[in-house]
Amino acid sequence: MRNDKQNGIDATDKAILGLLQHNGDMPVAEIAEQVGLTVTPCWRRIQKLEEKGIISKRVALLQARQLGLTMTVFVQVKAGRHDGKWLASFAKHAASFDEVVECYRMSGEYDYLLKVLVTDMDCFDHFYKRLVNGLEFSDVTSSFAMEQIKYTTSVPLNHL
């Protein structure tokens, strides 16, 4: 765990980050008021957080279900080979699919975990066939989410 001096985050920066990750459109004047700063120093702090890469971007979060993406599938992949060429090929291949919203290289029994959003089983089947086409896999298994219990894009800040 890093302390405040190591990461350069003080209580005011932490408060700014908390506000922005809950509402990226919040006006700087409102943020400044809530954290006890005037607008210019608040804006400078936000710019520094962006320069450091702590704030990587501000986006609109879309509701997948409202857009017809009602099926969430977690796909676990065992590598066909464990060499740099295969790993790079798979990473590029997995990242090329719009349906893949998250992709992780894992420790443990499976080498990769993909989070996939699709409209229905036919759409998933089409995705799956494209995923396994052209690459050698040791194993691929899929689990279908039945219910989303928690979802957040907020990063915990209580350790700061």
N, C-alpha and C. Protein backbone atom coordinates (compact mmCIF):
# COMPACT_ATOMS: atom_id res chain seq x y z
N MET A 1 0.85 -1.18 0.00
CA MET A 1 0.00 0.00 0.00
C MET A 1 0.89 1.23 0.00
N ARG A 2 0.55 2.19 -0.83
CA ARG A 2 1.32 3.42 -0.95
C ARG A 2 0.71 4.47 -0.05
N ASN A 3 1.58 5.28 0.56
CA ASN A 3 1.04 6.35 1.38
C ASN A 3 0.93 7.63 0.57
N ASP A 4 0.36 8.66 1.19
CA ASP A 4 0.10 9.92 0.48
C ASP A 4 1.36 10.53 -0.10
N LYS A 5 2.50 10.44 0.60
CA LYS A 5 3.73 11.06 0.12
C LYS A 5 4.28 10.33 -1.10
N GLN A 6 4.10 9.02 -1.17
CA GLN A 6 4.62 8.24 -2.29
C GLN A 6 3.85 8.51 -3.58
N ASN A 7 2.54 8.63 -3.50
CA ASN A 7 1.76 8.78 -4.73
C ASN A 7 1.37 10.22 -5.01
N GLY A 8 1.71 11.13 -4.10
CA GLY A 8 1.43 12.55 -4.33
C GLY A 8 -0.04 12.93 -4.22
N ILE A 9 -0.86 12.06 -3.67
CA ILE A 9 -2.29 12.33 -3.52
C ILE A 9 -2.56 12.79 -2.09
N ASP A 10 -3.10 13.99 -1.95
CA ASP A 10 -3.49 14.45 -0.61
C ASP A 10 -5.01 14.35 -0.47
N ALA A 11 -5.51 14.78 0.66
CA ALA A 11 -6.95 14.66 0.94
C ALA A 11 -7.79 15.43 -0.07
N THR A 12 -7.29 16.57 -0.53
CA THR A 12 -8.05 17.37 -1.51
C THR A 12 -8.10 16.66 -2.86
N ASP A 13 -6.96 16.11 -3.30
CA ASP A 13 -6.94 15.35 -4.55
C ASP A 13 -7.88 14.15 -4.45
N LYS A 14 -7.85 13.48 -3.32
CA LYS A 14 -8.73 12.32 -3.10
C LYS A 14 -10.19 12.73 -3.22
N ALA A 15 -10.54 13.87 -2.64
CA ALA A 15 -11.92 14.36 -2.72
C ALA A 15 -12.28 14.70 -4.16
N ILE A 16 -11.36 15.32 -4.89
CA ILE A 16 -11.60 15.66 -6.30
C ILE A 16 -11.83 14.38 -7.10
N LEU A 17 -10.97 13.40 -6.90
CA LEU A 17 -11.11 12.13 -7.62
C LEU A 17 -12.44 11.45 -7.31
N GLY A 18 -12.83 11.47 -6.06
CA GLY A 18 -14.11 10.88 -5.68
C GLY A 18 -15.28 11.55 -6.39
N LEU A 19 -15.25 12.87 -6.43
CA LEU A 19 -16.33 13.60 -7.11
C LEU A 19 -16.34 13.32 -8.61
N LEU A 20 -15.16 13.36 -9.24
CA LEU A 20 -15.09 13.16 -10.69
C LEU A 20 -15.47 11.75 -11.12
N GLN A 21 -15.11 10.75 -10.31
CA GLN A 21 -15.45 9.40 -10.76
C GLN A 21 -16.92 9.08 -10.55
N HIS A 22 -17.62 9.91 -9.83
CA HIS A 22 -19.07 9.75 -9.71
C HIS A 22 -19.82 10.65 -10.68
N ASN A 23 -19.17 11.73 -11.14
CA ASN A 23 -19.79 12.61 -12.13
C ASN A 23 -18.69 13.36 -12.87
N GLY A 24 -18.24 12.80 -14.00
CA GLY A 24 -17.17 13.39 -14.79
C GLY A 24 -17.54 14.71 -15.44
N ASP A 25 -18.84 15.03 -15.47
CA ASP A 25 -19.31 16.29 -16.06
C ASP A 25 -19.45 17.40 -15.04
N MET A 26 -19.15 17.12 -13.78
CA MET A 26 -19.32 18.13 -12.74
C MET A 26 -18.47 19.35 -13.06
N PRO A 27 -19.08 20.53 -13.06
CA PRO A 27 -18.32 21.74 -13.34
C PRO A 27 -17.20 21.97 -12.32
N VAL A 28 -16.08 22.50 -12.79
CA VAL A 28 -14.94 22.75 -11.91
C VAL A 28 -15.34 23.65 -10.75
N ALA A 29 -16.19 24.64 -11.00
CA ALA A 29 -16.61 25.54 -9.92
C ALA A 29 -17.32 24.77 -8.81
N GLU A 30 -18.12 23.79 -9.17
CA GLU A 30 -18.83 23.00 -8.17
C GLU A 30 -17.86 22.09 -7.40
N ILE A 31 -16.91 21.49 -8.13
CA ILE A 31 -15.90 20.67 -7.48
C ILE A 31 -15.10 21.52 -6.49
N ALA A 32 -14.66 22.68 -6.97
CA ALA A 32 -13.87 23.58 -6.13
C ALA A 32 -14.61 23.93 -4.85
N GLU A 33 -15.88 24.24 -4.98
CA GLU A 33 -16.69 24.60 -3.81
C GLU A 33 -16.76 23.43 -2.83
N GLN A 34 -16.96 22.23 -3.35
CA GLN A 34 -17.12 21.07 -2.47
C GLN A 34 -15.82 20.65 -1.78
N VAL A 35 -14.67 20.97 -2.39
CA VAL A 35 -13.39 20.59 -1.77
C VAL A 35 -12.71 21.75 -1.08
N GLY A 36 -13.33 22.93 -1.09
CA GLY A 36 -12.79 24.07 -0.37
C GLY A 36 -11.67 24.81 -1.08
N LEU A 37 -11.73 24.85 -2.40
CA LEU A 37 -10.74 25.59 -3.19
C LEU A 37 -11.45 26.62 -4.05
N THR A 38 -10.67 27.53 -4.61
CA THR A 38 -11.19 28.38 -5.67
C THR A 38 -11.01 27.63 -6.99
N VAL A 39 -11.61 28.16 -8.03
CA VAL A 39 -11.65 27.44 -9.31
C VAL A 39 -10.26 27.19 -9.89
N THR A 40 -9.41 28.20 -9.93
CA THR A 40 -8.11 28.03 -10.60
C THR A 40 -7.24 26.96 -9.94
N PRO A 41 -7.04 26.96 -8.63
CA PRO A 41 -6.24 25.89 -8.03
C PRO A 41 -6.88 24.50 -8.20
N CYS A 42 -8.18 24.46 -8.18
CA CYS A 42 -8.87 23.19 -8.39
C CYS A 42 -8.61 22.68 -9.80
N TRP A 43 -8.73 23.55 -10.79
CA TRP A 43 -8.48 23.18 -12.18
C TRP A 43 -7.05 22.71 -12.36
N ARG A 44 -6.09 23.40 -11.70
CA ARG A 44 -4.67 22.99 -11.79
C ARG A 44 -4.48 21.59 -11.22
N ARG A 45 -5.14 21.29 -10.12
CA ARG A 45 -5.03 19.96 -9.52
C ARG A 45 -5.59 18.89 -10.47
N ILE A 46 -6.72 19.19 -11.09
CA ILE A 46 -7.31 18.24 -12.04
C ILE A 46 -6.35 18.02 -13.21
N GLN A 47 -5.76 19.09 -13.71
CA GLN A 47 -4.80 18.96 -14.81
C GLN A 47 -3.59 18.11 -14.40
N LYS A 48 -3.09 18.30 -13.17
CA LYS A 48 -1.96 17.49 -12.70
C LYS A 48 -2.34 16.02 -12.59
N LEU A 49 -3.55 15.75 -12.12
CA LEU A 49 -4.02 14.36 -12.02
C LEU A 49 -4.12 13.74 -13.41
N GLU A 50 -4.50 14.53 -14.40
CA GLU A 50 -4.54 14.04 -15.78
C GLU A 50 -3.13 13.83 -16.32
N GLU A 51 -2.23 14.77 -16.07
CA GLU A 51 -0.84 14.65 -16.54
C GLU A 51 -0.15 13.42 -15.96
N LYS A 52 -0.43 13.12 -14.69
CA LYS A 52 0.14 11.95 -14.02
C LYS A 52 -0.47 10.64 -14.52
N GLY A 53 -1.57 10.73 -15.26
CA GLY A 53 -2.25 9.53 -15.74
C GLY A 53 -3.19 8.92 -14.72
N ILE A 54 -3.41 9.61 -13.60
CA ILE A 54 -4.35 9.11 -12.59
C ILE A 54 -5.77 9.22 -13.14
N ILE A 55 -6.06 10.32 -13.80
CA ILE A 55 -7.31 10.46 -14.57
C ILE A 55 -6.91 10.19 -16.02
N SER A 56 -7.35 9.06 -16.56
CA SER A 56 -6.94 8.70 -17.91
C SER A 56 -7.87 9.25 -18.98
N LYS A 57 -9.16 9.34 -18.67
CA LYS A 57 -10.11 9.93 -19.61
C LYS A 57 -11.45 10.11 -18.93
N ARG A 58 -12.29 10.92 -19.53
CA ARG A 58 -13.66 11.11 -19.02
C ARG A 58 -14.60 10.64 -20.12
N VAL A 59 -15.53 9.78 -19.74
CA VAL A 59 -16.40 9.15 -20.72
C VAL A 59 -17.85 9.15 -20.25
N ALA A 60 -18.75 8.83 -21.16
CA ALA A 60 -20.14 8.58 -20.81
C ALA A 60 -20.29 7.07 -20.60
N LEU A 61 -20.91 6.67 -19.50
CA LEU A 61 -21.14 5.25 -19.24
C LEU A 61 -22.51 4.89 -19.79
N LEU A 62 -22.53 3.89 -20.63
CA LEU A 62 -23.77 3.47 -21.28
C LEU A 62 -24.36 2.25 -20.57
N GLN A 63 -25.67 2.13 -20.57
CA GLN A 63 -26.36 0.99 -20.01
C GLN A 63 -26.50 -0.08 -21.09
N ALA A 64 -25.69 -1.13 -20.98
CA ALA A 64 -25.67 -2.18 -21.99
C ALA A 64 -27.05 -2.78 -22.22
N ARG A 65 -27.79 -3.04 -21.16
CA ARG A 65 -29.13 -3.64 -21.29
C ARG A 65 -30.06 -2.75 -22.10
N GLN A 66 -29.97 -1.45 -21.89
CA GLN A 66 -30.83 -0.51 -22.62
C GLN A 66 -30.50 -0.50 -24.11
N LEU A 67 -29.31 -0.97 -24.45
CA LEU A 67 -28.88 -1.03 -25.84
C LEU A 67 -29.02 -2.44 -26.42
N GLY A 68 -29.70 -3.32 -25.68
CA GLY A 68 -29.97 -4.67 -26.18
C GLY A 68 -28.89 -5.69 -25.86
N LEU A 69 -27.83 -5.29 -25.16
CA LEU A 69 -26.77 -6.22 -24.80
C LEU A 69 -27.13 -6.86 -23.46
N THR A 70 -27.99 -7.87 -23.54
CA THR A 70 -28.59 -8.45 -22.34
C THR A 70 -27.84 -9.68 -21.83
N MET A 71 -26.82 -10.13 -22.55
CA MET A 71 -26.11 -11.33 -22.14
C MET A 71 -24.64 -11.00 -21.84
N THR A 72 -24.21 -11.30 -20.62
CA THR A 72 -22.82 -11.14 -20.23
C THR A 72 -22.21 -12.53 -20.10
N VAL A 73 -21.09 -12.74 -20.78
CA VAL A 73 -20.44 -14.05 -20.80
C VAL A 73 -18.99 -13.87 -20.38
N PHE A 74 -18.54 -14.73 -19.48
CA PHE A 74 -17.13 -14.75 -19.09
C PHE A 74 -16.50 -15.95 -19.77
N VAL A 75 -15.53 -15.69 -20.63
CA VAL A 75 -14.87 -16.73 -21.41
C VAL A 75 -13.47 -16.92 -20.84
N GLN A 76 -13.17 -18.18 -20.48
CA GLN A 76 -11.85 -18.52 -19.97
C GLN A 76 -11.11 -19.30 -21.04
N VAL A 77 -9.85 -18.91 -21.24
CA VAL A 77 -9.05 -19.47 -22.32
C VAL A 77 -7.75 -20.04 -21.76
N LYS A 78 -7.42 -21.27 -22.19
CA LYS A 78 -6.10 -21.84 -21.94
C LYS A 78 -5.31 -21.70 -23.22
N ALA A 79 -4.12 -21.18 -23.08
CA ALA A 79 -3.27 -20.94 -24.26
C ALA A 79 -2.94 -22.24 -24.97
N GLY A 80 -2.86 -22.15 -26.27
CA GLY A 80 -2.45 -23.30 -27.08
C GLY A 80 -0.96 -23.55 -26.94
N ARG A 81 -0.21 -22.48 -26.77
CA ARG A 81 1.24 -22.55 -26.55
C ARG A 81 1.60 -21.44 -25.57
N HIS A 82 2.71 -21.58 -24.93
CA HIS A 82 3.15 -20.55 -24.00
C HIS A 82 4.45 -19.92 -24.50
N ASP A 83 4.33 -19.27 -25.65
CA ASP A 83 5.48 -18.53 -26.16
C ASP A 83 5.02 -17.11 -26.49
N GLY A 84 5.96 -16.22 -26.60
CA GLY A 84 5.66 -14.81 -26.82
C GLY A 84 4.83 -14.55 -28.06
N LYS A 85 5.10 -15.28 -29.12
CA LYS A 85 4.37 -15.06 -30.38
C LYS A 85 2.89 -15.39 -30.21
N TRP A 86 2.59 -16.54 -29.58
CA TRP A 86 1.19 -16.93 -29.38
C TRP A 86 0.50 -15.93 -28.46
N LEU A 87 1.16 -15.55 -27.37
CA LEU A 87 0.56 -14.63 -26.41
C LEU A 87 0.25 -13.28 -27.07
N ALA A 88 1.17 -12.78 -27.87
CA ALA A 88 0.94 -11.50 -28.56
C ALA A 88 -0.18 -11.64 -29.58
N SER A 89 -0.21 -12.75 -30.30
CA SER A 89 -1.27 -12.98 -31.29
C SER A 89 -2.64 -13.04 -30.61
N PHE A 90 -2.72 -13.75 -29.49
CA PHE A 90 -4.00 -13.85 -28.81
C PHE A 90 -4.44 -12.50 -28.27
N ALA A 91 -3.54 -11.76 -27.65
CA ALA A 91 -3.89 -10.44 -27.10
C ALA A 91 -4.44 -9.54 -28.20
N LYS A 92 -3.79 -9.53 -29.35
CA LYS A 92 -4.25 -8.70 -30.48
C LYS A 92 -5.60 -9.21 -30.98
N HIS A 93 -5.74 -10.51 -31.09
CA HIS A 93 -6.98 -11.13 -31.58
C HIS A 93 -8.15 -10.80 -30.65
N ALA A 94 -7.97 -11.01 -29.35
CA ALA A 94 -9.05 -10.77 -28.38
C ALA A 94 -9.44 -9.29 -28.36
N ALA A 95 -8.46 -8.41 -28.44
CA ALA A 95 -8.73 -6.97 -28.39
C ALA A 95 -9.46 -6.47 -29.64
N SER A 96 -9.44 -7.24 -30.71
CA SER A 96 -10.06 -6.81 -31.96
C SER A 96 -11.59 -6.95 -31.97
N PHE A 97 -12.16 -7.62 -30.98
CA PHE A 97 -13.61 -7.85 -30.94
C PHE A 97 -14.30 -6.77 -30.12
N ASP A 98 -15.28 -6.10 -30.71
CA ASP A 98 -16.06 -5.12 -29.97
C ASP A 98 -16.80 -5.75 -28.80
N GLU A 99 -17.18 -7.01 -28.95
CA GLU A 99 -17.94 -7.70 -27.90
C GLU A 99 -17.11 -7.89 -26.62
N VAL A 100 -15.79 -7.93 -26.76
CA VAL A 100 -14.91 -8.10 -25.60
C VAL A 100 -14.72 -6.73 -24.95
N VAL A 101 -15.29 -6.57 -23.76
CA VAL A 101 -15.19 -5.28 -23.07
C VAL A 101 -14.08 -5.27 -22.02
N GLU A 102 -13.62 -6.46 -21.62
CA GLU A 102 -12.49 -6.59 -20.70
C GLU A 102 -11.74 -7.86 -21.06
N CYS A 103 -10.41 -7.81 -20.91
CA CYS A 103 -9.58 -8.97 -21.19
C CYS A 103 -8.40 -8.94 -20.22
N TYR A 104 -8.18 -10.06 -19.55
CA TYR A 104 -7.13 -10.16 -18.55
C TYR A 104 -6.28 -11.40 -18.80
N ARG A 105 -4.97 -11.27 -18.62
CA ARG A 105 -4.08 -12.43 -18.56
C ARG A 105 -4.06 -12.84 -17.10
N MET A 106 -4.29 -14.11 -16.83
CA MET A 106 -4.54 -14.58 -15.47
C MET A 106 -3.45 -15.55 -15.00
N SER A 107 -3.38 -15.72 -13.69
CA SER A 107 -2.64 -16.83 -13.11
C SER A 107 -3.67 -17.93 -12.83
N GLY A 108 -3.20 -19.12 -12.59
CA GLY A 108 -4.13 -20.20 -12.28
C GLY A 108 -4.37 -21.12 -13.45
N GLU A 109 -5.48 -21.81 -13.41
CA GLU A 109 -5.78 -22.86 -14.38
C GLU A 109 -5.96 -22.31 -15.80
N TYR A 110 -6.61 -21.16 -15.93
CA TYR A 110 -6.83 -20.57 -17.24
C TYR A 110 -5.91 -19.38 -17.42
N ASP A 111 -5.50 -19.15 -18.65
CA ASP A 111 -4.52 -18.11 -18.96
C ASP A 111 -5.16 -16.75 -19.19
N TYR A 112 -6.40 -16.73 -19.70
CA TYR A 112 -7.07 -15.46 -20.02
C TYR A 112 -8.52 -15.51 -19.58
N LEU A 113 -9.02 -14.34 -19.22
CA LEU A 113 -10.43 -14.18 -18.89
C LEU A 113 -10.96 -13.01 -19.72
N LEU A 114 -12.01 -13.28 -20.47
CA LEU A 114 -12.65 -12.24 -21.29
C LEU A 114 -14.05 -11.98 -20.75
N LYS A 115 -14.42 -10.72 -20.69
CA LYS A 115 -15.81 -10.36 -20.40
C LYS A 115 -16.41 -9.93 -21.73
N VAL A 116 -17.48 -10.59 -22.10
CA VAL A 116 -18.09 -10.41 -23.42
C VAL A 116 -19.54 -9.97 -23.25
N LEU A 117 -19.95 -8.95 -23.98
CA LEU A 117 -21.35 -8.49 -23.98
C LEU A 117 -21.95 -8.75 -25.35
N VAL A 118 -23.09 -9.46 -25.35
CA VAL A 118 -23.79 -9.78 -26.60
C VAL A 118 -25.30 -9.68 -26.39
N THR A 119 -26.04 -9.71 -27.49
CA THR A 119 -27.49 -9.58 -27.39
C THR A 119 -28.18 -10.89 -27.01
N ASP A 120 -27.65 -12.02 -27.50
CA ASP A 120 -28.32 -13.29 -27.26
C ASP A 120 -27.37 -14.45 -27.57
N MET A 121 -27.87 -15.66 -27.44
CA MET A 121 -27.04 -16.85 -27.65
C MET A 121 -26.54 -16.95 -29.09
N ASP A 122 -27.37 -16.61 -30.07
CA ASP A 122 -26.92 -16.65 -31.46
C ASP A 122 -25.74 -15.70 -31.68
N CYS A 123 -25.82 -14.53 -31.10
CA CYS A 123 -24.74 -13.56 -31.21
C CYS A 123 -23.47 -14.09 -30.53
N PHE A 124 -23.63 -14.73 -29.36
CA PHE A 124 -22.47 -15.30 -28.69
C PHE A 124 -21.87 -16.42 -29.53
N ASP A 125 -22.70 -17.27 -30.10
CA ASP A 125 -22.19 -18.37 -30.93
C ASP A 125 -21.38 -17.82 -32.10
N HIS A 126 -21.88 -16.77 -32.71
CA HIS A 126 -21.15 -16.13 -33.82
C HIS A 126 -19.81 -15.58 -33.32
N PHE A 127 -19.81 -14.92 -32.17
CA PHE A 127 -18.58 -14.41 -31.57
C PHE A 127 -17.61 -15.55 -31.29
N TYR A 128 -18.11 -16.61 -30.66
CA TYR A 128 -17.26 -17.74 -30.26
C TYR A 128 -16.56 -18.35 -31.48
N LYS A 129 -17.29 -18.54 -32.55
CA LYS A 129 -16.70 -19.13 -33.76
C LYS A 129 -15.60 -18.24 -34.31
N ARG A 130 -15.79 -16.92 -34.27
CA ARG A 130 -14.74 -16.01 -34.74
C ARG A 130 -13.55 -16.01 -33.78
N LEU A 131 -13.82 -16.12 -32.47
CA LEU A 131 -12.75 -16.12 -31.49
C LEU A 131 -11.81 -17.31 -31.68
N VAL A 132 -12.38 -18.49 -31.84
CA VAL A 132 -11.54 -19.70 -31.91
C VAL A 132 -10.97 -19.95 -33.31
N ASN A 133 -11.42 -19.21 -34.29
CA ASN A 133 -10.94 -19.40 -35.66
C ASN A 133 -9.51 -18.87 -35.81
N GLY A 134 -8.63 -19.74 -36.27
CA GLY A 134 -7.29 -19.31 -36.63
C GLY A 134 -6.25 -19.34 -35.53
N LEU A 135 -6.65 -19.60 -34.29
CA LEU A 135 -5.68 -19.70 -33.20
C LEU A 135 -5.80 -21.06 -32.53
N GLU A 136 -4.68 -21.57 -32.07
CA GLU A 136 -4.66 -22.86 -31.37
C GLU A 136 -4.92 -22.62 -29.88
N PHE A 137 -5.92 -23.31 -29.34
CA PHE A 137 -6.25 -23.21 -27.92
C PHE A 137 -6.13 -24.57 -27.28
N SER A 138 -5.76 -24.59 -26.01
CA SER A 138 -5.76 -25.83 -25.24
C SER A 138 -7.17 -26.10 -24.73
N ASP A 139 -7.88 -25.01 -24.33
CA ASP A 139 -9.25 -25.14 -23.82
C ASP A 139 -9.91 -23.77 -23.82
N VAL A 140 -11.19 -23.75 -24.06
CA VAL A 140 -12.01 -22.54 -23.96
C VAL A 140 -13.30 -22.95 -23.28
N THR A 141 -13.68 -22.21 -22.24
CA THR A 141 -14.94 -22.48 -21.56
C THR A 141 -15.64 -21.16 -21.30
N SER A 142 -16.96 -21.21 -21.26
CA SER A 142 -17.75 -19.99 -21.08
C SER A 142 -18.73 -20.15 -19.93
N SER A 143 -18.90 -19.06 -19.19
CA SER A 143 -19.90 -19.02 -18.12
C SER A 143 -20.80 -17.83 -18.38
N PHE A 144 -22.10 -18.05 -18.25
CA PHE A 144 -23.08 -17.01 -18.55
C PHE A 144 -23.57 -16.39 -17.24
N ALA A 145 -23.45 -15.08 -17.14
CA ALA A 145 -23.91 -14.38 -15.93
C ALA A 145 -25.43 -14.43 -15.88
N MET A 146 -25.95 -14.83 -14.75
CA MET A 146 -27.39 -14.90 -14.58
C MET A 146 -27.94 -13.62 -13.97
N GLU A 147 -27.14 -12.96 -13.14
CA GLU A 147 -27.58 -11.74 -12.48
C GLU A 147 -26.35 -10.91 -12.15
N GLN A 148 -26.43 -9.62 -12.38
CA GLN A 148 -25.36 -8.72 -11.99
C GLN A 148 -25.66 -8.21 -10.59
N ILE A 149 -24.80 -8.54 -9.64
CA ILE A 149 -25.01 -8.16 -8.25
C ILE A 149 -24.42 -6.78 -7.99
N LYS A 150 -23.24 -6.53 -8.50
CA LYS A 150 -22.59 -5.23 -8.33
C LYS A 150 -21.84 -4.88 -9.59
N TYR A 151 -21.92 -3.62 -9.96
CA TYR A 151 -21.15 -3.10 -11.08
C TYR A 151 -20.78 -1.66 -10.74
N THR A 152 -19.54 -1.35 -10.86
CA THR A 152 -19.10 0.02 -10.65
C THR A 152 -17.86 0.28 -11.50
N THR A 153 -17.70 1.50 -11.89
CA THR A 153 -16.46 1.91 -12.55
C THR A 153 -15.60 2.69 -11.57
N SER A 154 -16.10 2.89 -10.36
CA SER A 154 -15.37 3.64 -9.34
C SER A 154 -14.20 2.82 -8.80
N VAL A 155 -13.06 3.47 -8.69
CA VAL A 155 -11.87 2.86 -8.11
C VAL A 155 -11.87 3.16 -6.62
N PRO A 156 -11.61 2.17 -5.76
CA PRO A 156 -11.57 2.46 -4.32
C PRO A 156 -10.50 3.49 -4.00
N LEU A 157 -10.84 4.42 -3.13
CA LEU A 157 -9.89 5.47 -2.74
C LEU A 157 -9.59 5.43 -1.25
N ASN A 158 -10.21 4.52 -0.51
CA ASN A 158 -10.07 4.53 0.95
C ASN A 158 -8.67 4.17 1.42
N HIS A 159 -7.83 3.62 0.56
CA HIS A 159 -6.46 3.29 0.94
C HIS A 159 -5.53 4.51 0.87
N LEU A 160 -6.01 5.58 0.28
CA LEU A 160 -5.18 6.78 0.14
C LEU A 160 -5.17 7.59 1.43
